[in-house]
Amino acid sequence: MPTTPTLRKRLTQAQREKILKAYRASQLSQREFAARAGIGLSTLHVWLRKTVSSPSTPATAFVQVPNLLGQAPGAFMYRVHLAGGVEVEVSSGFRAEELATLLQLLKAG
């Protein structure tokens, strides 16, 4: 039995936006809405994806954040080489009690 090709109806951008606006207001699942609107579920997915990445949505601005954890090379005051190839580098301001605890943990492990 030969099949006849179906003609797809091309919607304008305004029509797509109207459908997407109705979907967002509908509280229906994507599957239910697509069936009621007479569009394919994958079509609805594509339209929704395009609205997220479209140039009409404001671009995310990058905010420069200083690296508070990083230190300039050579800022270490102590470097301890432990058995097994473990190295511990300690910068100024590191509390001696914390270093002692860390070394005990490394020794036990």
N, C-alpha and C. Protein backbone atom coordinates (compact mmCIF):
# COMPACT_ATOMS: atom_id res chain seq x y z
N MET A 1 0.85 -1.17 0.00
CA MET A 1 0.00 0.00 0.00
C MET A 1 0.89 1.23 0.00
N PRO A 2 0.83 2.04 -1.05
CA PRO A 2 1.69 3.23 -1.12
C PRO A 2 1.21 4.28 -0.12
N THR A 3 2.18 4.97 0.43
CA THR A 3 1.85 6.06 1.35
C THR A 3 2.03 7.39 0.64
N THR A 4 1.20 8.31 0.96
CA THR A 4 1.32 9.64 0.37
C THR A 4 2.01 10.54 1.39
N PRO A 5 2.94 11.35 0.95
CA PRO A 5 3.63 12.22 1.88
C PRO A 5 2.67 13.27 2.45
N THR A 6 2.87 13.57 3.70
CA THR A 6 2.04 14.61 4.33
C THR A 6 2.76 15.94 4.22
N LEU A 7 2.01 16.96 4.00
CA LEU A 7 2.58 18.29 3.91
C LEU A 7 2.58 18.91 5.30
N ARG A 8 3.71 19.42 5.68
CA ARG A 8 3.80 20.06 6.99
C ARG A 8 3.44 21.52 6.86
N LYS A 9 2.71 21.97 7.82
CA LYS A 9 2.32 23.37 7.84
C LYS A 9 3.42 24.15 8.56
N ARG A 10 4.02 25.10 7.90
CA ARG A 10 5.07 25.91 8.49
C ARG A 10 4.42 27.07 9.24
N LEU A 11 4.82 27.23 10.48
CA LEU A 11 4.27 28.31 11.30
C LEU A 11 5.24 29.47 11.33
N THR A 12 4.70 30.66 11.43
CA THR A 12 5.54 31.84 11.54
C THR A 12 6.12 31.93 12.95
N GLN A 13 7.11 32.76 13.12
CA GLN A 13 7.72 32.95 14.43
C GLN A 13 6.66 33.43 15.43
N ALA A 14 5.79 34.32 15.00
CA ALA A 14 4.74 34.84 15.89
C ALA A 14 3.79 33.73 16.31
N GLN A 15 3.47 32.82 15.39
CA GLN A 15 2.58 31.70 15.73
C GLN A 15 3.26 30.75 16.71
N ARG A 16 4.55 30.51 16.51
CA ARG A 16 5.29 29.63 17.43
C ARG A 16 5.35 30.26 18.82
N GLU A 17 5.61 31.55 18.89
CA GLU A 17 5.69 32.23 20.18
C GLU A 17 4.34 32.20 20.89
N LYS A 18 3.26 32.32 20.12
CA LYS A 18 1.91 32.26 20.71
C LYS A 18 1.65 30.87 21.29
N ILE A 19 2.06 29.83 20.57
CA ILE A 19 1.89 28.45 21.04
C ILE A 19 2.73 28.22 22.30
N LEU A 20 3.97 28.70 22.30
CA LEU A 20 4.83 28.54 23.47
C LEU A 20 4.28 29.29 24.68
N LYS A 21 3.72 30.46 24.45
CA LYS A 21 3.11 31.23 25.54
C LYS A 21 1.92 30.46 26.11
N ALA A 22 1.13 29.86 25.23
CA ALA A 22 -0.02 29.06 25.69
C ALA A 22 0.45 27.83 26.45
N TYR A 23 1.54 27.21 25.99
CA TYR A 23 2.08 26.04 26.70
C TYR A 23 2.51 26.42 28.11
N ARG A 24 3.24 27.52 28.23
CA ARG A 24 3.75 27.93 29.55
C ARG A 24 2.62 28.25 30.52
N ALA A 25 1.50 28.72 30.00
CA ALA A 25 0.36 29.06 30.85
C ALA A 25 -0.56 27.87 31.10
N SER A 26 -0.35 26.76 30.40
CA SER A 26 -1.32 25.67 30.40
C SER A 26 -1.24 24.71 31.60
N GLN A 27 -0.11 24.55 32.22
CA GLN A 27 0.09 23.56 33.29
C GLN A 27 -0.07 22.12 32.79
N LEU A 28 -0.02 21.91 31.50
CA LEU A 28 -0.08 20.56 30.93
C LEU A 28 1.33 20.04 30.74
N SER A 29 1.45 18.73 30.65
CA SER A 29 2.75 18.17 30.31
C SER A 29 3.04 18.51 28.85
N GLN A 30 4.30 18.42 28.48
CA GLN A 30 4.67 18.72 27.09
C GLN A 30 3.94 17.78 26.14
N ARG A 31 3.83 16.51 26.49
CA ARG A 31 3.16 15.53 25.64
C ARG A 31 1.68 15.89 25.46
N GLU A 32 1.00 16.20 26.57
CA GLU A 32 -0.43 16.54 26.49
C GLU A 32 -0.65 17.81 25.67
N PHE A 33 0.18 18.83 25.93
CA PHE A 33 -0.01 20.08 25.22
C PHE A 33 0.23 19.92 23.73
N ALA A 34 1.32 19.21 23.36
CA ALA A 34 1.62 19.02 21.94
C ALA A 34 0.48 18.32 21.23
N ALA A 35 -0.10 17.30 21.87
CA ALA A 35 -1.22 16.58 21.26
C ALA A 35 -2.41 17.50 21.05
N ARG A 36 -2.73 18.30 22.06
CA ARG A 36 -3.88 19.21 21.94
C ARG A 36 -3.63 20.32 20.94
N ALA A 37 -2.36 20.78 20.84
CA ALA A 37 -2.05 21.88 19.92
C ALA A 37 -1.85 21.39 18.49
N GLY A 38 -1.78 20.07 18.31
CA GLY A 38 -1.61 19.54 16.95
C GLY A 38 -0.19 19.66 16.43
N ILE A 39 0.78 19.67 17.34
CA ILE A 39 2.19 19.72 16.93
C ILE A 39 2.89 18.49 17.51
N GLY A 40 3.99 18.13 16.92
CA GLY A 40 4.75 16.99 17.42
C GLY A 40 5.46 17.33 18.72
N LEU A 41 5.62 16.34 19.57
CA LEU A 41 6.31 16.54 20.83
C LEU A 41 7.74 17.00 20.58
N SER A 42 8.41 16.41 19.60
CA SER A 42 9.79 16.81 19.31
C SER A 42 9.84 18.25 18.79
N THR A 43 8.80 18.67 18.09
CA THR A 43 8.73 20.05 17.61
C THR A 43 8.65 21.00 18.79
N LEU A 44 7.81 20.67 19.77
CA LEU A 44 7.69 21.50 20.97
C LEU A 44 9.04 21.55 21.69
N HIS A 45 9.72 20.41 21.79
CA HIS A 45 11.05 20.38 22.43
C HIS A 45 12.01 21.33 21.74
N VAL A 46 12.05 21.27 20.41
CA VAL A 46 12.97 22.12 19.64
C VAL A 46 12.64 23.59 19.86
N TRP A 47 11.38 23.94 19.81
CA TRP A 47 10.99 25.33 20.01
C TRP A 47 11.38 25.82 21.40
N LEU A 48 11.15 25.00 22.40
CA LEU A 48 11.52 25.39 23.76
C LEU A 48 13.03 25.55 23.90
N ARG A 49 13.78 24.63 23.31
CA ARG A 49 15.24 24.72 23.36
C ARG A 49 15.74 25.98 22.68
N LYS A 50 15.12 26.32 21.56
CA LYS A 50 15.55 27.51 20.83
C LYS A 50 15.26 28.79 21.62
N THR A 51 14.18 28.80 22.38
CA THR A 51 13.87 30.01 23.16
C THR A 51 14.88 30.20 24.27
N VAL A 52 15.43 29.10 24.78
CA VAL A 52 16.43 29.20 25.85
C VAL A 52 17.73 29.77 25.29
N SER A 53 18.11 29.38 24.08
CA SER A 53 19.38 29.80 23.53
C SER A 53 19.25 30.90 22.47
N SER A 54 18.09 31.49 22.35
CA SER A 54 17.90 32.50 21.31
C SER A 54 18.58 33.81 21.70
N PRO A 55 18.99 34.60 20.71
CA PRO A 55 19.65 35.87 21.01
C PRO A 55 18.72 36.88 21.67
N SER A 56 17.41 36.64 21.62
CA SER A 56 16.49 37.60 22.25
C SER A 56 16.53 37.51 23.76
N THR A 57 17.03 36.38 24.29
CA THR A 57 17.16 36.27 25.74
C THR A 57 18.46 36.94 26.15
N PRO A 58 18.47 37.63 27.29
CA PRO A 58 19.69 38.32 27.69
C PRO A 58 20.82 37.34 27.95
N ALA A 59 21.99 37.72 27.51
CA ALA A 59 23.16 36.86 27.69
C ALA A 59 23.60 36.89 29.15
N THR A 60 24.14 35.80 29.59
CA THR A 60 24.65 35.72 30.94
C THR A 60 25.95 36.52 31.02
N ALA A 61 26.03 37.37 32.00
CA ALA A 61 27.24 38.17 32.17
C ALA A 61 28.22 37.41 33.06
N PHE A 62 29.48 37.46 32.72
CA PHE A 62 30.50 36.83 33.54
C PHE A 62 30.95 37.82 34.60
N VAL A 63 31.12 37.32 35.80
CA VAL A 63 31.57 38.13 36.90
C VAL A 63 32.95 37.63 37.30
N GLN A 64 33.91 38.53 37.32
CA GLN A 64 35.26 38.13 37.69
C GLN A 64 35.32 37.93 39.20
N VAL A 65 35.81 36.78 39.60
CA VAL A 65 35.91 36.44 41.01
C VAL A 65 37.38 36.18 41.32
N PRO A 66 37.90 36.85 42.33
CA PRO A 66 39.31 36.61 42.65
C PRO A 66 39.50 35.21 43.21
N ASN A 67 40.63 34.60 42.88
CA ASN A 67 40.95 33.27 43.38
C ASN A 67 41.57 33.44 44.76
N LEU A 68 40.74 33.25 45.77
CA LEU A 68 41.21 33.44 47.14
C LEU A 68 42.03 32.25 47.63
N LEU A 69 41.91 31.12 46.94
CA LEU A 69 42.64 29.93 47.37
C LEU A 69 44.03 29.84 46.75
N GLY A 70 44.18 30.44 45.59
CA GLY A 70 45.46 30.37 44.90
C GLY A 70 46.48 31.32 45.50
N GLN A 71 47.72 30.96 45.41
CA GLN A 71 48.80 31.81 45.88
C GLN A 71 49.86 31.87 44.82
N ALA A 72 50.61 32.94 44.84
CA ALA A 72 51.69 33.11 43.88
C ALA A 72 52.77 32.08 44.12
N PRO A 73 53.44 31.62 43.07
CA PRO A 73 54.53 30.66 43.26
C PRO A 73 55.58 31.24 44.19
N GLY A 74 56.14 30.38 45.02
CA GLY A 74 57.17 30.83 45.93
C GLY A 74 56.63 31.39 47.23
N ALA A 75 55.31 31.35 47.43
CA ALA A 75 54.73 31.90 48.65
C ALA A 75 54.77 30.90 49.79
N PHE A 76 55.26 29.68 49.55
CA PHE A 76 55.30 28.67 50.60
C PHE A 76 56.51 28.90 51.49
N MET A 77 56.29 28.74 52.78
CA MET A 77 57.39 28.89 53.71
C MET A 77 58.02 27.55 54.03
N TYR A 78 57.21 26.47 54.03
CA TYR A 78 57.71 25.14 54.37
C TYR A 78 57.27 24.13 53.32
N ARG A 79 58.14 23.19 53.02
CA ARG A 79 57.79 22.08 52.15
C ARG A 79 58.32 20.82 52.84
N VAL A 80 57.39 19.88 53.12
CA VAL A 80 57.74 18.66 53.83
C VAL A 80 57.56 17.49 52.87
N HIS A 81 58.61 16.67 52.75
CA HIS A 81 58.55 15.47 51.91
C HIS A 81 58.36 14.28 52.83
N LEU A 82 57.26 13.56 52.64
CA LEU A 82 56.97 12.40 53.47
C LEU A 82 57.23 11.13 52.68
N ALA A 83 57.31 10.02 53.42
CA ALA A 83 57.51 8.72 52.79
C ALA A 83 56.34 8.44 51.85
N GLY A 84 56.60 7.74 50.79
CA GLY A 84 55.55 7.42 49.83
C GLY A 84 55.35 8.51 48.79
N GLY A 85 56.24 9.50 48.78
CA GLY A 85 56.16 10.55 47.76
C GLY A 85 55.18 11.67 48.07
N VAL A 86 54.65 11.71 49.27
CA VAL A 86 53.70 12.75 49.64
C VAL A 86 54.46 14.01 49.99
N GLU A 87 54.04 15.14 49.42
CA GLU A 87 54.63 16.44 49.73
C GLU A 87 53.57 17.33 50.35
N VAL A 88 53.94 18.03 51.39
CA VAL A 88 53.03 18.98 52.03
C VAL A 88 53.70 20.34 51.97
N GLU A 89 53.01 21.31 51.39
CA GLU A 89 53.52 22.67 51.32
C GLU A 89 52.67 23.53 52.24
N VAL A 90 53.33 24.28 53.09
CA VAL A 90 52.63 25.09 54.08
C VAL A 90 53.01 26.54 53.88
N SER A 91 52.02 27.39 53.76
CA SER A 91 52.27 28.81 53.57
C SER A 91 52.24 29.53 54.90
N SER A 92 52.63 30.77 54.88
CA SER A 92 52.60 31.56 56.11
C SER A 92 51.15 31.71 56.56
N GLY A 93 50.97 31.76 57.86
CA GLY A 93 49.64 31.91 58.40
C GLY A 93 48.96 30.59 58.73
N PHE A 94 49.58 29.47 58.39
CA PHE A 94 49.02 28.16 58.69
C PHE A 94 49.27 27.87 60.15
N ARG A 95 48.24 27.48 60.87
CA ARG A 95 48.37 27.25 62.30
C ARG A 95 49.12 25.96 62.58
N ALA A 96 50.03 26.01 63.54
CA ALA A 96 50.89 24.87 63.87
C ALA A 96 50.06 23.67 64.32
N GLU A 97 48.99 23.92 65.07
CA GLU A 97 48.14 22.81 65.52
C GLU A 97 47.51 22.07 64.34
N GLU A 98 47.08 22.83 63.36
CA GLU A 98 46.48 22.22 62.18
C GLU A 98 47.51 21.41 61.40
N LEU A 99 48.72 21.95 61.29
CA LEU A 99 49.78 21.23 60.59
C LEU A 99 50.11 19.93 61.32
N ALA A 100 50.21 19.99 62.64
CA ALA A 100 50.51 18.78 63.42
C ALA A 100 49.43 17.72 63.22
N THR A 101 48.16 18.15 63.23
CA THR A 101 47.05 17.21 63.03
C THR A 101 47.11 16.62 61.63
N LEU A 102 47.37 17.44 60.64
CA LEU A 102 47.46 16.97 59.26
C LEU A 102 48.58 15.95 59.11
N LEU A 103 49.72 16.24 59.67
CA LEU A 103 50.85 15.31 59.57
C LEU A 103 50.56 14.00 60.28
N GLN A 104 49.87 14.06 61.41
CA GLN A 104 49.49 12.83 62.12
C GLN A 104 48.54 11.99 61.27
N LEU A 105 47.57 12.65 60.61
CA LEU A 105 46.62 11.95 59.75
C LEU A 105 47.33 11.30 58.57
N LEU A 106 48.26 12.02 57.98
CA LEU A 106 49.00 11.47 56.85
C LEU A 106 49.88 10.30 57.27
N LYS A 107 50.47 10.41 58.45
CA LYS A 107 51.33 9.35 58.97
C LYS A 107 50.52 8.07 59.26
N ALA A 108 49.29 8.27 59.81
CA ALA A 108 48.43 7.13 60.14
C ALA A 108 47.87 6.48 58.88
N GLY A 109 47.63 7.27 57.84
CA GLY A 109 47.00 6.75 56.63
C GLY A 109 47.94 6.05 55.77
